[in-house]
Amino acid sequence: MRQPIRLALLVLAGALISGSAQAASFNCERARTPDELTICASLKLNDQDVRMAQLYDIAQHLVAMGGRAAIQDDQQVWLRTRRACGADRTCLARAYTRRLAALNKVLERAYKQGPF
């Protein structure tokens, strides 16, 4: 089985096995900030968080070392942007949509550089 497919399946299996109190990027039982509390209270935002964490994890494994640092830096900037949304669901949904698009672009570039 090709390595990216195997990795994607492992990440998906891990997401399915995790408990309902767990968003992909943080533990909802420990959520304290308005953005985290809102994400945990919204199935749609929680689903976006799961997808974002999956793509972020896959991207970390597919890009070269220099690219990883850039992805990590972008993630930190994005987390500050998400936190600035507070409890505003529309703002949070937009932030996730933008981050998912950015991560998808990273993966598309990595896939074009294949084979794996």
PDB file of N, CA and C in Angstrom:
ATOM      1  N   MET A   1       0.851  -1.179   0.000  1.00  0.00           N
ATOM      2  CA  MET A   1       0.000   0.000   0.000  1.00  0.00           C
ATOM      3  C   MET A   1       0.893   1.237   0.000  1.00  0.00           C
ATOM      4  N   ARG A   2       0.538   2.222  -0.746  1.00  0.00           N
ATOM      5  CA  ARG A   2       1.337   3.427  -0.838  1.00  0.00           C
ATOM      6  C   ARG A   2       1.380   4.131   0.509  1.00  0.00           C
ATOM      7  N   GLN A   3       2.521   4.697   0.840  1.00  0.00           N
ATOM      8  CA  GLN A   3       2.744   5.320   2.148  1.00  0.00           C
ATOM      9  C   GLN A   3       1.728   6.415   2.478  1.00  0.00           C
ATOM     10  N   PRO A   4       1.412   7.386   1.590  1.00  0.00           N
ATOM     11  CA  PRO A   4       0.443   8.429   1.942  1.00  0.00           C
ATOM     12  C   PRO A   4      -0.945   7.858   2.235  1.00  0.00           C
ATOM     13  N   ILE A   5      -1.322   6.829   1.485  1.00  0.00           N
ATOM     14  CA  ILE A   5      -2.639   6.232   1.715  1.00  0.00           C
ATOM     15  C   ILE A   5      -2.651   5.537   3.066  1.00  0.00           C
ATOM     16  N   ARG A   6      -1.586   4.816   3.369  1.00  0.00           N
ATOM     17  CA  ARG A   6      -1.491   4.134   4.664  1.00  0.00           C
ATOM     18  C   ARG A   6      -1.543   5.154   5.804  1.00  0.00           C
ATOM     19  N   LEU A   7      -0.804   6.243   5.662  1.00  0.00           N
ATOM     20  CA  LEU A   7      -0.800   7.288   6.683  1.00  0.00           C
ATOM     21  C   LEU A   7      -2.178   7.900   6.849  1.00  0.00           C
ATOM     22  N   ALA A   8      -2.840   8.189   5.740  1.00  0.00           N
ATOM     23  CA  ALA A   8      -4.179   8.776   5.802  1.00  0.00           C
ATOM     24  C   ALA A   8      -5.157   7.834   6.491  1.00  0.00           C
ATOM     25  N   LEU A   9      -5.054   6.550   6.208  1.00  0.00           N
ATOM     26  CA  LEU A   9      -5.937   5.572   6.849  1.00  0.00           C
ATOM     27  C   LEU A   9      -5.677   5.486   8.342  1.00  0.00           C
ATOM     28  N   LEU A  10      -4.415   5.539   8.747  1.00  0.00           N
ATOM     29  CA  LEU A  10      -4.092   5.509  10.170  1.00  0.00           C
ATOM     30  C   LEU A  10      -4.635   6.733  10.896  1.00  0.00           C
ATOM     31  N   VAL A  11      -4.484   7.894  10.282  1.00  0.00           N
ATOM     32  CA  VAL A  11      -5.001   9.123  10.892  1.00  0.00           C
ATOM     33  C   VAL A  11      -6.515   9.057  11.008  1.00  0.00           C
ATOM     34  N   LEU A  12      -7.174   8.600   9.950  1.00  0.00           N
ATOM     35  CA  LEU A  12      -8.632   8.482   9.979  1.00  0.00           C
ATOM     36  C   LEU A  12      -9.078   7.490  11.040  1.00  0.00           C
ATOM     37  N   ALA A  13      -8.409   6.357  11.146  1.00  0.00           N
ATOM     38  CA  ALA A  13      -8.765   5.369  12.161  1.00  0.00           C
ATOM     39  C   ALA A  13      -8.602   5.950  13.556  1.00  0.00           C
ATOM     40  N   GLY A  14      -7.554   6.694  13.773  1.00  0.00           N
ATOM     41  CA  GLY A  14      -7.343   7.327  15.073  1.00  0.00           C
ATOM     42  C   GLY A  14      -8.433   8.323  15.405  1.00  0.00           C
ATOM     43  N   ALA A  15      -8.878   9.058  14.409  1.00  0.00           N
ATOM     44  CA  ALA A  15      -9.950  10.031  14.635  1.00  0.00           C
ATOM     45  C   ALA A  15     -11.258   9.333  14.968  1.00  0.00           C
ATOM     46  N   LEU A  16     -11.512   8.206  14.323  1.00  0.00           N
ATOM     47  CA  LEU A  16     -12.749   7.483  14.584  1.00  0.00           C
ATOM     48  C   LEU A  16     -12.752   6.812  15.949  1.00  0.00           C
ATOM     49  N   ILE A  17     -11.584   6.395  16.399  1.00  0.00           N
ATOM     50  CA  ILE A  17     -11.479   5.710  17.679  1.00  0.00           C
ATOM     51  C   ILE A  17     -11.554   6.695  18.844  1.00  0.00           C
ATOM     52  N   SER A  18     -11.110   7.916  18.638  1.00  0.00           N
ATOM     53  CA  SER A  18     -11.058   8.886  19.731  1.00  0.00           C
ATOM     54  C   SER A  18     -12.455   9.162  20.280  1.00  0.00           C
ATOM     55  N   GLY A  19     -12.507   9.538  21.549  1.00  0.00           N
ATOM     56  CA  GLY A  19     -13.777   9.770  22.223  1.00  0.00           C
ATOM     57  C   GLY A  19     -14.484  11.009  21.741  1.00  0.00           C
ATOM     58  N   SER A  20     -15.759  11.124  22.056  1.00  0.00           N
ATOM     59  CA  SER A  20     -16.559  12.261  21.611  1.00  0.00           C
ATOM     60  C   SER A  20     -16.153  13.553  22.293  1.00  0.00           C
ATOM     61  N   ALA A  21     -15.463  13.469  23.436  1.00  0.00           N
ATOM     62  CA  ALA A  21     -15.017  14.668  24.128  1.00  0.00           C
ATOM     63  C   ALA A  21     -13.701  15.178  23.562  1.00  0.00           C
ATOM     64  N   GLN A  22     -13.264  14.633  22.471  1.00  0.00           N
ATOM     65  CA  GLN A  22     -11.984  14.982  21.905  1.00  0.00           C
ATOM     66  C   GLN A  22     -12.156  15.555  20.508  1.00  0.00           C
ATOM     67  N   ALA A  23     -11.877  16.834  20.383  1.00  0.00           N
ATOM     68  CA  ALA A  23     -11.719  17.394  19.053  1.00  0.00           C
ATOM     69  C   ALA A  23     -10.335  16.929  18.590  1.00  0.00           C
ATOM     70  N   ALA A  24     -10.052  17.030  17.352  1.00  0.00           N
ATOM     71  CA  ALA A  24      -8.796  16.483  16.858  1.00  0.00           C
ATOM     72  C   ALA A  24      -7.571  17.223  17.389  1.00  0.00           C
ATOM     73  N   SER A  25      -7.659  18.506  17.574  1.00  0.00           N
ATOM     74  CA  SER A  25      -6.461  19.257  17.949  1.00  0.00           C
ATOM     75  C   SER A  25      -6.388  19.602  19.430  1.00  0.00           C
ATOM     76  N   PHE A  26      -7.400  19.297  20.192  1.00  0.00           N
ATOM     77  CA  PHE A  26      -7.361  19.563  21.634  1.00  0.00           C
ATOM     78  C   PHE A  26      -8.432  18.742  22.343  1.00  0.00           C
ATOM     79  N   ASN A  27      -8.289  18.615  23.645  1.00  0.00           N
ATOM     80  CA  ASN A  27      -9.222  17.845  24.463  1.00  0.00           C
ATOM     81  C   ASN A  27     -10.357  18.761  24.920  1.00  0.00           C
ATOM     82  N   CYS A  28     -11.573  18.453  24.516  1.00  0.00           N
ATOM     83  CA  CYS A  28     -12.716  19.298  24.866  1.00  0.00           C
ATOM     84  C   CYS A  28     -12.974  19.335  26.374  1.00  0.00           C
ATOM     85  N   GLU A  29     -12.575  18.303  27.080  1.00  0.00           N
ATOM     86  CA  GLU A  29     -12.748  18.308  28.529  1.00  0.00           C
ATOM     87  C   GLU A  29     -11.865  19.352  29.195  1.00  0.00           C
ATOM     88  N   ARG A  30     -10.819  19.767  28.514  1.00  0.00           N
ATOM     89  CA  ARG A  30      -9.909  20.796  29.040  1.00  0.00           C
ATOM     90  C   ARG A  30     -10.090  22.149  28.367  1.00  0.00           C
ATOM     91  N   ALA A  31     -11.083  22.272  27.508  1.00  0.00           N
ATOM     92  CA  ALA A  31     -11.321  23.528  26.792  1.00  0.00           C
ATOM     93  C   ALA A  31     -11.653  24.629  27.785  1.00  0.00           C
ATOM     94  N   ARG A  32     -11.011  25.773  27.630  1.00  0.00           N
ATOM     95  CA  ARG A  32     -11.248  26.905  28.523  1.00  0.00           C
ATOM     96  C   ARG A  32     -11.493  28.209  27.763  1.00  0.00           C
ATOM     97  N   THR A  33     -10.892  28.331  26.601  1.00  0.00           N
ATOM     98  CA  THR A  33     -11.005  29.577  25.861  1.00  0.00           C
ATOM     99  C   THR A  33     -12.322  29.605  25.081  1.00  0.00           C
ATOM    100  N   PRO A  34     -12.833  30.792  24.790  1.00  0.00           N
ATOM    101  CA  PRO A  34     -14.114  30.877  24.063  1.00  0.00           C
ATOM    102  C   PRO A  34     -14.115  30.141  22.732  1.00  0.00           C
ATOM    103  N   ASP A  35     -13.005  30.200  21.986  1.00  0.00           N
ATOM    104  CA  ASP A  35     -12.976  29.490  20.704  1.00  0.00           C
ATOM    105  C   ASP A  35     -13.047  27.986  20.904  1.00  0.00           C
ATOM    106  N   GLU A  36     -12.306  27.452  21.855  1.00  0.00           N
ATOM    107  CA  GLU A  36     -12.334  26.013  22.096  1.00  0.00           C
ATOM    108  C   GLU A  36     -13.697  25.552  22.603  1.00  0.00           C
ATOM    109  N   LEU A  37     -14.286  26.299  23.516  1.00  0.00           N
ATOM    110  CA  LEU A  37     -15.608  25.941  24.043  1.00  0.00           C
ATOM    111  C   LEU A  37     -16.654  25.928  22.932  1.00  0.00           C
ATOM    112  N   THR A  38     -16.569  26.893  22.034  1.00  0.00           N
ATOM    113  CA  THR A  38     -17.518  26.987  20.924  1.00  0.00           C
ATOM    114  C   THR A  38     -17.314  25.837  19.947  1.00  0.00           C
ATOM    115  N   ILE A  39     -16.080  25.497  19.665  1.00  0.00           N
ATOM    116  CA  ILE A  39     -15.784  24.377  18.759  1.00  0.00           C
ATOM    117  C   ILE A  39     -16.329  23.074  19.348  1.00  0.00           C
ATOM    118  N   CYS A  40     -16.130  22.873  20.624  1.00  0.00           N
ATOM    119  CA  CYS A  40     -16.613  21.649  21.272  1.00  0.00           C
ATOM    120  C   CYS A  40     -18.136  21.574  21.307  1.00  0.00           C
ATOM    121  N   ALA A  41     -18.802  22.716  21.318  1.00  0.00           N
ATOM    122  CA  ALA A  41     -20.259  22.754  21.390  1.00  0.00           C
ATOM    123  C   ALA A  41     -20.923  22.650  20.015  1.00  0.00           C
ATOM    124  N   SER A  42     -20.138  22.720  18.951  1.00  0.00           N
ATOM    125  CA  SER A  42     -20.681  22.724  17.599  1.00  0.00           C
ATOM    126  C   SER A  42     -20.159  21.522  16.819  1.00  0.00           C
ATOM    127  N   LEU A  43     -21.052  20.654  16.377  1.00  0.00           N
ATOM    128  CA  LEU A  43     -20.645  19.483  15.595  1.00  0.00           C
ATOM    129  C   LEU A  43     -19.937  19.909  14.305  1.00  0.00           C
ATOM    130  N   LYS A  44     -20.455  20.931  13.639  1.00  0.00           N
ATOM    131  CA  LYS A  44     -19.849  21.387  12.388  1.00  0.00           C
ATOM    132  C   LYS A  44     -18.418  21.881  12.620  1.00  0.00           C
ATOM    133  N   LEU A  45     -18.218  22.704  13.652  1.00  0.00           N
ATOM    134  CA  LEU A  45     -16.876  23.212  13.925  1.00  0.00           C
ATOM    135  C   LEU A  45     -15.951  22.097  14.406  1.00  0.00           C
ATOM    136  N   ASN A  46     -16.488  21.196  15.196  1.00  0.00           N
ATOM    137  CA  ASN A  46     -15.688  20.061  15.655  1.00  0.00           C
ATOM    138  C   ASN A  46     -15.241  19.229  14.456  1.00  0.00           C
ATOM    139  N   ASP A  47     -16.147  18.981  13.520  1.00  0.00           N
ATOM    140  CA  ASP A  47     -15.797  18.231  12.314  1.00  0.00           C
ATOM    141  C   ASP A  47     -14.713  18.947  11.514  1.00  0.00           C
ATOM    142  N   GLN A  48     -14.813  20.273  11.420  1.00  0.00           N
ATOM    143  CA  GLN A  48     -13.783  21.032  10.714  1.00  0.00           C
ATOM    144  C   GLN A  48     -12.443  20.917  11.446  1.00  0.00           C
ATOM    145  N   ASP A  49     -12.499  20.923  12.770  1.00  0.00           N
ATOM    146  CA  ASP A  49     -11.278  20.785  13.557  1.00  0.00           C
ATOM    147  C   ASP A  49     -10.637  19.419  13.321  1.00  0.00           C
ATOM    148  N   VAL A  50     -11.454  18.384  13.290  1.00  0.00           N
ATOM    149  CA  VAL A  50     -10.944  17.034  13.019  1.00  0.00           C
ATOM    150  C   VAL A  50     -10.270  17.003  11.653  1.00  0.00           C
ATOM    151  N   ARG A  51     -10.923  17.531  10.650  1.00  0.00           N
ATOM    152  CA  ARG A  51     -10.370  17.528   9.287  1.00  0.00           C
ATOM    153  C   ARG A  51      -9.075  18.332   9.216  1.00  0.00           C
ATOM    154  N   MET A  52      -9.080  19.507   9.869  1.00  0.00           N
ATOM    155  CA  MET A  52      -7.882  20.338   9.871  1.00  0.00           C
ATOM    156  C   MET A  52      -6.718  19.589  10.513  1.00  0.00           C
ATOM    157  N   ALA A  53      -6.950  18.956  11.648  1.00  0.00           N
ATOM    158  CA  ALA A  53      -5.879  18.227  12.344  1.00  0.00           C
ATOM    159  C   ALA A  53      -5.362  17.063  11.497  1.00  0.00           C
ATOM    160  N   GLN A  54      -6.262  16.381  10.794  1.00  0.00           N
ATOM    161  CA  GLN A  54      -5.846  15.285   9.915  1.00  0.00           C
ATOM    162  C   GLN A  54      -4.951  15.793   8.794  1.00  0.00           C
ATOM    163  N   LEU A  55      -5.386  16.849   8.125  1.00  0.00           N
ATOM    164  CA  LEU A  55      -4.595  17.396   7.017  1.00  0.00           C
ATOM    165  C   LEU A  55      -3.258  17.940   7.513  1.00  0.00           C
ATOM    166  N   TYR A  56      -3.274  18.592   8.656  1.00  0.00           N
ATOM    167  CA  TYR A  56      -2.037  19.128   9.235  1.00  0.00           C
ATOM    168  C   TYR A  56      -1.059  17.991   9.526  1.00  0.00           C
ATOM    169  N   ASP A  57      -1.544  16.919  10.113  1.00  0.00           N
ATOM    170  CA  ASP A  57      -0.696  15.782  10.432  1.00  0.00           C
ATOM    171  C   ASP A  57      -0.130  15.138   9.158  1.00  0.00           C
ATOM    172  N   ILE A  58      -0.971  14.948   8.172  1.00  0.00           N
ATOM    173  CA  ILE A  58      -0.516  14.364   6.907  1.00  0.00           C
ATOM    174  C   ILE A  58       0.517  15.271   6.245  1.00  0.00           C
ATOM    175  N   ALA A  59       0.246  16.563   6.230  1.00  0.00           N
ATOM    176  CA  ALA A  59       1.178  17.512   5.623  1.00  0.00           C
ATOM    177  C   ALA A  59       2.539  17.460   6.317  1.00  0.00           C
ATOM    178  N   GLN A  60       2.538  17.326   7.634  1.00  0.00           N
ATOM    179  CA  GLN A  60       3.789  17.243   8.392  1.00  0.00           C
ATOM    180  C   GLN A  60       4.642  16.058   7.939  1.00  0.00           C
ATOM    181  N   HIS A  61       3.987  14.984   7.536  1.00  0.00           N
ATOM    182  CA  HIS A  61       4.717  13.788   7.129  1.00  0.00           C
ATOM    183  C   HIS A  61       5.111  13.776   5.652  1.00  0.00           C
ATOM    184  N   LEU A  62       4.477  14.592   4.841  1.00  0.00           N
ATOM    185  CA  LEU A  62       4.728  14.546   3.403  1.00  0.00           C
ATOM    186  C   LEU A  62       5.725  15.579   2.894  1.00  0.00           C
ATOM    187  N   VAL A  63       5.926  16.647   3.642  1.00  0.00           N
ATOM    188  CA  VAL A  63       6.808  17.704   3.139  1.00  0.00           C
ATOM    189  C   VAL A  63       8.206  17.552   3.711  1.00  0.00           C
ATOM    190  N   ALA A  64       9.160  18.144   3.034  1.00  0.00           N
ATOM    191  CA  ALA A  64      10.550  18.118   3.485  1.00  0.00           C
ATOM    192  C   ALA A  64      10.703  18.953   4.752  1.00  0.00           C
ATOM    193  N   MET A  65      11.832  18.788   5.418  1.00  0.00           N
ATOM    194  CA  MET A  65      12.069  19.443   6.706  1.00  0.00           C
ATOM    195  C   MET A  65      11.820  20.954   6.667  1.00  0.00           C
ATOM    196  N   GLY A  66      12.329  21.655   5.686  1.00  0.00           N
ATOM    197  CA  GLY A  66      12.124  23.103   5.597  1.00  0.00           C
ATOM    198  C   GLY A  66      10.659  23.461   5.455  1.00  0.00           C
ATOM    199  N   GLY A  67       9.929  22.644   4.732  1.00  0.00           N
ATOM    200  CA  GLY A  67       8.498  22.868   4.565  1.00  0.00           C
ATOM    201  C   GLY A  67       7.730  22.649   5.854  1.00  0.00           C
ATOM    202  N   ARG A  68       8.199  21.725   6.671  1.00  0.00           N
ATOM    203  CA  ARG A  68       7.534  21.449   7.953  1.00  0.00           C
ATOM    204  C   ARG A  68       7.565  22.673   8.857  1.00  0.00           C
ATOM    205  N   ALA A  69       8.704  23.323   8.901  1.00  0.00           N
ATOM    206  CA  ALA A  69       8.828  24.510   9.748  1.00  0.00           C
ATOM    207  C   ALA A  69       7.854  25.597   9.291  1.00  0.00           C
ATOM    208  N   ALA A  70       7.724  25.768   7.996  1.00  0.00           N
ATOM    209  CA  ALA A  70       6.798  26.769   7.471  1.00  0.00           C
ATOM    210  C   ALA A  70       5.354  26.407   7.816  1.00  0.00           C
ATOM    211  N   ILE A  71       5.014  25.122   7.697  1.00  0.00           N
ATOM    212  CA  ILE A  71       3.656  24.679   8.024  1.00  0.00           C
ATOM    213  C   ILE A  71       3.382  24.888   9.513  1.00  0.00           C
ATOM    214  N   GLN A  72       4.359  24.589  10.352  1.00  0.00           N
ATOM    215  CA  GLN A  72       4.195  24.791  11.792  1.00  0.00           C
ATOM    216  C   GLN A  72       4.033  26.268  12.126  1.00  0.00           C
ATOM    217  N   ASP A  73       4.826  27.115  11.489  1.00  0.00           N
ATOM    218  CA  ASP A  73       4.700  28.560  11.710  1.00  0.00           C
ATOM    219  C   ASP A  73       3.322  29.051  11.279  1.00  0.00           C
ATOM    220  N   ASP A  74       2.869  28.593  10.106  1.00  0.00           N
ATOM    221  CA  ASP A  74       1.537  28.980   9.622  1.00  0.00           C
ATOM    222  C   ASP A  74       0.448  28.511  10.581  1.00  0.00           C
ATOM    223  N   GLN A  75       0.635  27.326  11.159  1.00  0.00           N
ATOM    224  CA  GLN A  75      -0.357  26.796  12.094  1.00  0.00           C
ATOM    225  C   GLN A  75      -0.436  27.670  13.348  1.00  0.00           C
ATOM    226  N   GLN A  76       0.696  28.131  13.831  1.00  0.00           N
ATOM    227  CA  GLN A  76       0.698  28.992  15.017  1.00  0.00           C
ATOM    228  C   GLN A  76       0.007  30.324  14.739  1.00  0.00           C
ATOM    229  N   VAL A  77       0.260  30.880  13.560  1.00  0.00           N
ATOM    230  CA  VAL A  77      -0.427  32.119  13.171  1.00  0.00           C
ATOM    231  C   VAL A  77      -1.926  31.858  13.076  1.00  0.00           C
ATOM    232  N   TRP A  78      -2.297  30.739  12.463  1.00  0.00           N
ATOM    233  CA  TRP A  78      -3.715  30.404  12.319  1.00  0.00           C
ATOM    234  C   TRP A  78      -4.378  30.210  13.685  1.00  0.00           C
ATOM    235  N   LEU A  79      -3.694  29.561  14.619  1.00  0.00           N
ATOM    236  CA  LEU A  79      -4.269  29.363  15.952  1.00  0.00           C
ATOM    237  C   LEU A  79      -4.538  30.696  16.650  1.00  0.00           C
ATOM    238  N   ARG A  80      -3.659  31.666  16.458  1.00  0.00           N
ATOM    239  CA  ARG A  80      -3.912  33.004  17.023  1.00  0.00           C
ATOM    240  C   ARG A  80      -5.127  33.650  16.360  1.00  0.00           C
ATOM    241  N   THR A  81      -5.260  33.455  15.061  1.00  0.00           N
ATOM    242  CA  THR A  81      -6.422  33.971  14.334  1.00  0.00           C
ATOM    243  C   THR A  81      -7.698  33.307  14.838  1.00  0.00           C
ATOM    244  N   ARG A  82      -7.656  31.992  15.004  1.00  0.00           N
ATOM    245  CA  ARG A  82      -8.826  31.270  15.515  1.00  0.00           C
ATOM    246  C   ARG A  82      -9.191  31.754  16.909  1.00  0.00           C
ATOM    247  N   ARG A  83      -8.204  31.914  17.757  1.00  0.00           N
ATOM    248  CA  ARG A  83      -8.467  32.367  19.124  1.00  0.00           C
ATOM    249  C   ARG A  83      -9.092  33.763  19.120  1.00  0.00           C
ATOM    250  N   ALA A  84      -8.687  34.611  18.183  1.00  0.00           N
ATOM    251  CA  ALA A  84      -9.232  35.963  18.088  1.00  0.00           C
ATOM    252  C   ALA A  84     -10.713  35.956  17.720  1.00  0.00           C
ATOM    253  N   CYS A  85     -11.193  34.881  17.125  1.00  0.00           N
ATOM    254  CA  CYS A  85     -12.614  34.768  16.793  1.00  0.00           C
ATOM    255  C   CYS A  85     -13.475  34.650  18.042  1.00  0.00           C
ATOM    256  N   GLY A  86     -12.901  34.199  19.141  1.00  0.00           N
ATOM    257  CA  GLY A  86     -13.680  34.008  20.358  1.00  0.00           C
ATOM    258  C   GLY A  86     -14.790  33.002  20.114  1.00  0.00           C
ATOM    259  N   ALA A  87     -16.000  33.358  20.535  1.00  0.00           N
ATOM    260  CA  ALA A  87     -17.156  32.462  20.413  1.00  0.00           C
ATOM    261  C   ALA A  87     -17.957  32.692  19.131  1.00  0.00           C
ATOM    262  N   ASP A  88     -17.440  33.498  18.215  1.00  0.00           N
ATOM    263  CA  ASP A  88     -18.138  33.813  16.967  1.00  0.00           C
ATOM    264  C   ASP A  88     -18.052  32.623  15.999  1.00  0.00           C
ATOM    265  N   ARG A  89     -19.137  31.879  15.884  1.00  0.00           N
ATOM    266  CA  ARG A  89     -19.148  30.660  15.051  1.00  0.00           C
ATOM    267  C   ARG A  89     -18.871  30.954  13.585  1.00  0.00           C
ATOM    268  N   THR A  90     -19.383  32.051  13.076  1.00  0.00           N
ATOM    269  CA  THR A  90     -19.149  32.394  11.673  1.00  0.00           C
ATOM    270  C   THR A  90     -17.673  32.666  11.432  1.00  0.00           C
ATOM    271  N   CYS A  91     -17.063  33.409  12.324  1.00  0.00           N
ATOM    272  CA  CYS A  91     -15.634  33.704  12.219  1.00  0.00           C
ATOM    273  C   CYS A  91     -14.818  32.412  12.308  1.00  0.00           C
ATOM    274  N   LEU A  92     -15.174  31.541  13.232  1.00  0.00           N
ATOM    275  CA  LEU A  92     -14.467  30.272  13.381  1.00  0.00           C
ATOM    276  C   LEU A  92     -14.607  29.408  12.132  1.00  0.00           C
ATOM    277  N   ALA A  93     -15.809  29.332  11.588  1.00  0.00           N
ATOM    278  CA  ALA A  93     -16.036  28.533  10.374  1.00  0.00           C
ATOM    279  C   ALA A  93     -15.198  29.074   9.219  1.00  0.00           C
ATOM    280  N   ARG A  94     -15.143  30.405   9.082  1.00  0.00           N
ATOM    281  CA  ARG A  94     -14.330  31.011   8.027  1.00  0.00           C
ATOM    282  C   ARG A  94     -12.845  30.713   8.237  1.00  0.00           C
ATOM    283  N   ALA A  95     -12.400  30.778   9.495  1.00  0.00           N
ATOM    284  CA  ALA A  95     -10.991  30.496   9.793  1.00  0.00           C
ATOM    285  C   ALA A  95     -10.656  29.059   9.409  1.00  0.00           C
ATOM    286  N   TYR A  96     -11.542  28.130   9.740  1.00  0.00           N
ATOM    287  CA  TYR A  96     -11.296  26.733   9.371  1.00  0.00           C
ATOM    288  C   TYR A  96     -11.317  26.554   7.860  1.00  0.00           C
ATOM    289  N   THR A  97     -12.239  27.180   7.189  1.00  0.00           N
ATOM    290  CA  THR A  97     -12.315  27.055   5.728  1.00  0.00           C
ATOM    291  C   THR A  97     -11.013  27.531   5.089  1.00  0.00           C
ATOM    292  N   ARG A  98     -10.494  28.653   5.560  1.00  0.00           N
ATOM    293  CA  ARG A  98      -9.235  29.177   5.014  1.00  0.00           C
ATOM    294  C   ARG A  98      -8.062  28.242   5.322  1.00  0.00           C
ATOM    295  N   ARG A  99      -8.010  27.719   6.547  1.00  0.00           N
ATOM    296  CA  ARG A  99      -6.893  26.848   6.916  1.00  0.00           C
ATOM    297  C   ARG A  99      -6.957  25.527   6.151  1.00  0.00           C
ATOM    298  N   LEU A 100      -8.150  24.986   6.002  1.00  0.00           N
ATOM    299  CA  LEU A 100      -8.303  23.745   5.231  1.00  0.00           C
ATOM    300  C   LEU A 100      -7.851  23.949   3.787  1.00  0.00           C
ATOM    301  N   ALA A 101      -8.207  25.075   3.204  1.00  0.00           N
ATOM    302  CA  ALA A 101      -7.789  25.365   1.827  1.00  0.00           C
ATOM    303  C   ALA A 101      -6.274  25.472   1.742  1.00  0.00           C
ATOM    304  N   ALA A 102      -5.652  26.137   2.714  1.00  0.00           N
ATOM    305  CA  ALA A 102      -4.199  26.278   2.709  1.00  0.00           C
ATOM    306  C   ALA A 102      -3.513  24.922   2.853  1.00  0.00           C
ATOM    307  N   LEU A 103      -4.014  24.084   3.740  1.00  0.00           N
ATOM    308  CA  LEU A 103      -3.420  22.763   3.916  1.00  0.00           C
ATOM    309  C   LEU A 103      -3.632  21.884   2.688  1.00  0.00           C
ATOM    310  N   ASN A 104      -4.786  22.000   2.059  1.00  0.00           N
ATOM    311  CA  ASN A 104      -5.024  21.251   0.821  1.00  0.00           C
ATOM    312  C   ASN A 104      -4.035  21.659  -0.264  1.00  0.00           C
ATOM    313  N   LYS A 105      -3.696  22.945  -0.346  1.00  0.00           N
ATOM    314  CA  LYS A 105      -2.709  23.408  -1.328  1.00  0.00           C
ATOM    315  C   LYS A 105      -1.338  22.811  -1.037  1.00  0.00           C
ATOM    316  N   VAL A 106      -0.971  22.753   0.234  1.00  0.00           N
ATOM    317  CA  VAL A 106       0.304  22.141   0.613  1.00  0.00           C
ATOM    318  C   VAL A 106       0.334  20.684   0.166  1.00  0.00           C
ATOM    319  N   LEU A 107      -0.756  19.968   0.420  1.00  0.00           N
ATOM    320  CA  LEU A 107      -0.816  18.550   0.041  1.00  0.00           C
ATOM    321  C   LEU A 107      -0.791  18.374  -1.471  1.00  0.00           C
ATOM    322  N   GLU A 108      -1.475  19.238  -2.202  1.00  0.00           N
ATOM    323  CA  GLU A 108      -1.460  19.152  -3.662  1.00  0.00           C
ATOM    324  C   GLU A 108      -0.043  19.316  -4.195  1.00  0.00           C
ATOM    325  N   ARG A 109       0.696  20.277  -3.647  1.00  0.00           N
ATOM    326  CA  ARG A 109       2.094  20.469  -4.072  1.00  0.00           C
ATOM    327  C   ARG A 109       2.931  19.231  -3.745  1.00  0.00           C
ATOM    328  N   ALA A 110       2.726  18.666  -2.562  1.00  0.00           N
ATOM    329  CA  ALA A 110       3.489  17.471  -2.169  1.00  0.00           C
ATOM    330  C   ALA A 110       3.159  16.297  -3.083  1.00  0.00           C
ATOM    331  N   TYR A 111       1.899  16.115  -3.412  1.00  0.00           N
ATOM    332  CA  TYR A 111       1.489  15.013  -4.278  1.00  0.00           C
ATOM    333  C   TYR A 111       2.098  15.143  -5.673  1.00  0.00           C
ATOM    334  N   LYS A 112       2.213  16.374  -6.165  1.00  0.00           N
ATOM    335  CA  LYS A 112       2.791  16.587  -7.500  1.00  0.00           C
ATOM    336  C   LYS A 112       4.266  16.248  -7.530  1.00  0.00           C
ATOM    337  N   GLN A 113       4.915  16.301  -6.382  1.00  0.00           N
ATOM    338  CA  GLN A 113       6.354  16.003  -6.313  1.00  0.00           C
ATOM    339  C   GLN A 113       6.615  14.513  -6.185  1.00  0.00           C
ATOM    340  N   GLY A 114       5.545  13.676  -6.010  1.00  0.00           N
ATOM    341  CA  GLY A 114       5.665  12.230  -5.869  1.00  0.00           C
ATOM    342  C   GLY A 114       6.691  11.659  -6.828  1.00  0.00           C
ATOM    343  N   PRO A 115       6.841  10.397  -6.972  1.00  0.00           N
ATOM    344  CA  PRO A 115       6.014   9.333  -6.396  1.00  0.00           C
ATOM    345  C   PRO A 115       6.413   9.056  -4.954  1.00  0.00           C
ATOM    346  N   PHE A 116       5.502   8.400  -4.270  1.00  0.00           N
ATOM    347  CA  PHE A 116       5.745   8.096  -2.863  1.00  0.00           C
ATOM    348  C   PHE A 116       6.022   6.635  -2.702  1.00  0.00           C
TER     349      PHE A 116
END
